[in-house]
Amino acid sequence: MKLTRLFPALYTTTSLAIAQTLDLSTLKWTLTSPTYTNITVPGRVPSQVHLDLYREGVIPDPYFGLGDFELRWVTYGNWTYETALEGL
């Protein structure tokens, strides 16, 4: 007996699940915070909030001196990465 007779839905779903891959790192990202409404910077993916804020000059080097302690406010806020996804 053929497997397609036993599991016809599996074969149809598998063939439909193959699609194009979207490279998220090539899209234009924005990093914002509802907590700190005056901060909006370009973001990158993959990344993290501290790296994007440092790259844009919003915060000093978090690994220098007491940077980790002085930048705790960054971790206390909520941060959102946003982009426009087209063709989905």
Protein backbone atom coordinates (compact mmCIF):
# COMPACT_ATOMS: atom_id res chain seq x y z
CA MET A 1 0.00 0.00 0.00
CA LYS A 2 1.31 3.45 -0.88
CA LEU A 3 2.01 5.98 1.87
CA THR A 4 0.02 8.62 0.01
CA ARG A 5 -3.10 6.57 0.66
CA LEU A 6 -2.36 6.35 4.37
CA PHE A 7 -1.37 9.96 4.87
CA PRO A 8 -2.73 12.07 1.99
CA ALA A 9 -2.91 15.26 4.10
CA LEU A 10 0.75 14.93 5.05
CA TYR A 11 1.86 14.94 1.44
CA THR A 12 -0.31 17.91 0.49
CA THR A 13 0.76 19.97 3.50
CA THR A 14 4.42 19.20 2.96
CA SER A 15 4.32 20.38 -0.61
CA LEU A 16 2.55 23.60 0.42
CA ALA A 17 4.93 24.29 3.32
CA ILE A 18 7.90 24.79 1.02
CA ALA A 19 8.14 28.54 0.48
CA GLN A 20 10.63 31.30 0.04
CA THR A 21 12.93 32.30 2.87
CA LEU A 22 12.92 35.91 4.02
CA ASP A 23 16.27 37.21 5.28
CA LEU A 24 15.27 39.48 8.17
CA SER A 25 18.76 40.99 8.46
CA THR A 26 18.33 42.81 5.12
CA LEU A 27 15.23 44.72 6.22
CA LYS A 28 15.15 48.25 7.67
CA TRP A 29 14.48 47.89 11.42
CA THR A 30 13.57 50.51 14.01
CA LEU A 31 14.14 50.18 17.75
CA THR A 32 11.67 52.08 19.95
CA SER A 33 10.49 52.10 23.53
CA PRO A 34 7.10 53.08 24.94
CA THR A 35 8.92 53.75 28.23
CA TYR A 36 11.46 56.15 26.71
CA THR A 37 9.44 57.83 23.96
CA ASN A 38 12.26 60.19 23.00
CA ILE A 39 14.48 57.27 21.88
CA THR A 40 14.04 55.86 18.38
CA VAL A 41 17.06 54.45 16.58
CA PRO A 42 17.74 52.24 13.58
CA GLY A 43 18.02 48.62 14.65
CA ARG A 44 19.64 45.52 13.26
CA VAL A 45 18.60 41.89 13.36
CA PRO A 46 20.12 39.87 14.88
CA SER A 47 21.18 42.25 17.63
CA GLN A 48 20.18 43.43 21.07
CA VAL A 49 19.06 46.72 22.53
CA HIS A 50 22.37 47.67 24.17
CA LEU A 51 24.31 47.14 20.93
CA ASP A 52 21.92 49.22 18.84
CA LEU A 53 21.80 52.06 21.37
CA TYR A 54 25.60 52.04 21.65
CA ARG A 55 26.11 52.04 17.88
CA GLU A 56 23.84 55.11 17.57
CA GLY A 57 25.61 56.97 20.40
CA VAL A 58 22.67 56.94 22.81
CA ILE A 59 24.61 55.12 25.53
CA PRO A 60 28.33 54.76 26.31
CA ASP A 61 30.18 51.46 26.08
CA PRO A 62 28.30 49.14 28.48
CA TYR A 63 31.48 47.13 29.11
CA PHE A 64 33.60 50.10 30.19
CA GLY A 65 33.83 51.08 33.86
CA LEU A 66 30.48 50.96 35.60
CA GLY A 67 28.56 50.85 32.32
CA ASP A 68 26.56 47.80 33.30
CA PHE A 69 25.45 49.46 36.53
CA GLU A 70 24.81 52.91 35.05
CA LEU A 71 22.81 51.52 32.13
CA ARG A 72 20.32 49.47 34.15
CA TRP A 73 17.59 51.81 32.93
CA VAL A 74 17.92 50.16 29.51
CA THR A 75 16.94 46.76 30.90
CA TYR A 76 14.04 48.20 32.90
CA GLY A 77 12.31 49.52 29.79
CA ASN A 78 10.32 47.68 27.15
CA TRP A 79 11.86 47.75 23.70
CA THR A 80 10.35 46.91 20.34
CA TYR A 81 12.00 46.08 17.03
CA GLU A 82 9.74 47.01 14.11
CA THR A 83 9.93 46.59 10.35
CA ALA A 84 7.57 46.34 7.39
CA LEU A 85 7.12 42.82 6.02
CA GLU A 86 5.89 42.85 2.46
CA GLY A 87 4.63 39.97 0.39
CA LEU A 88 3.42 37.76 3.21
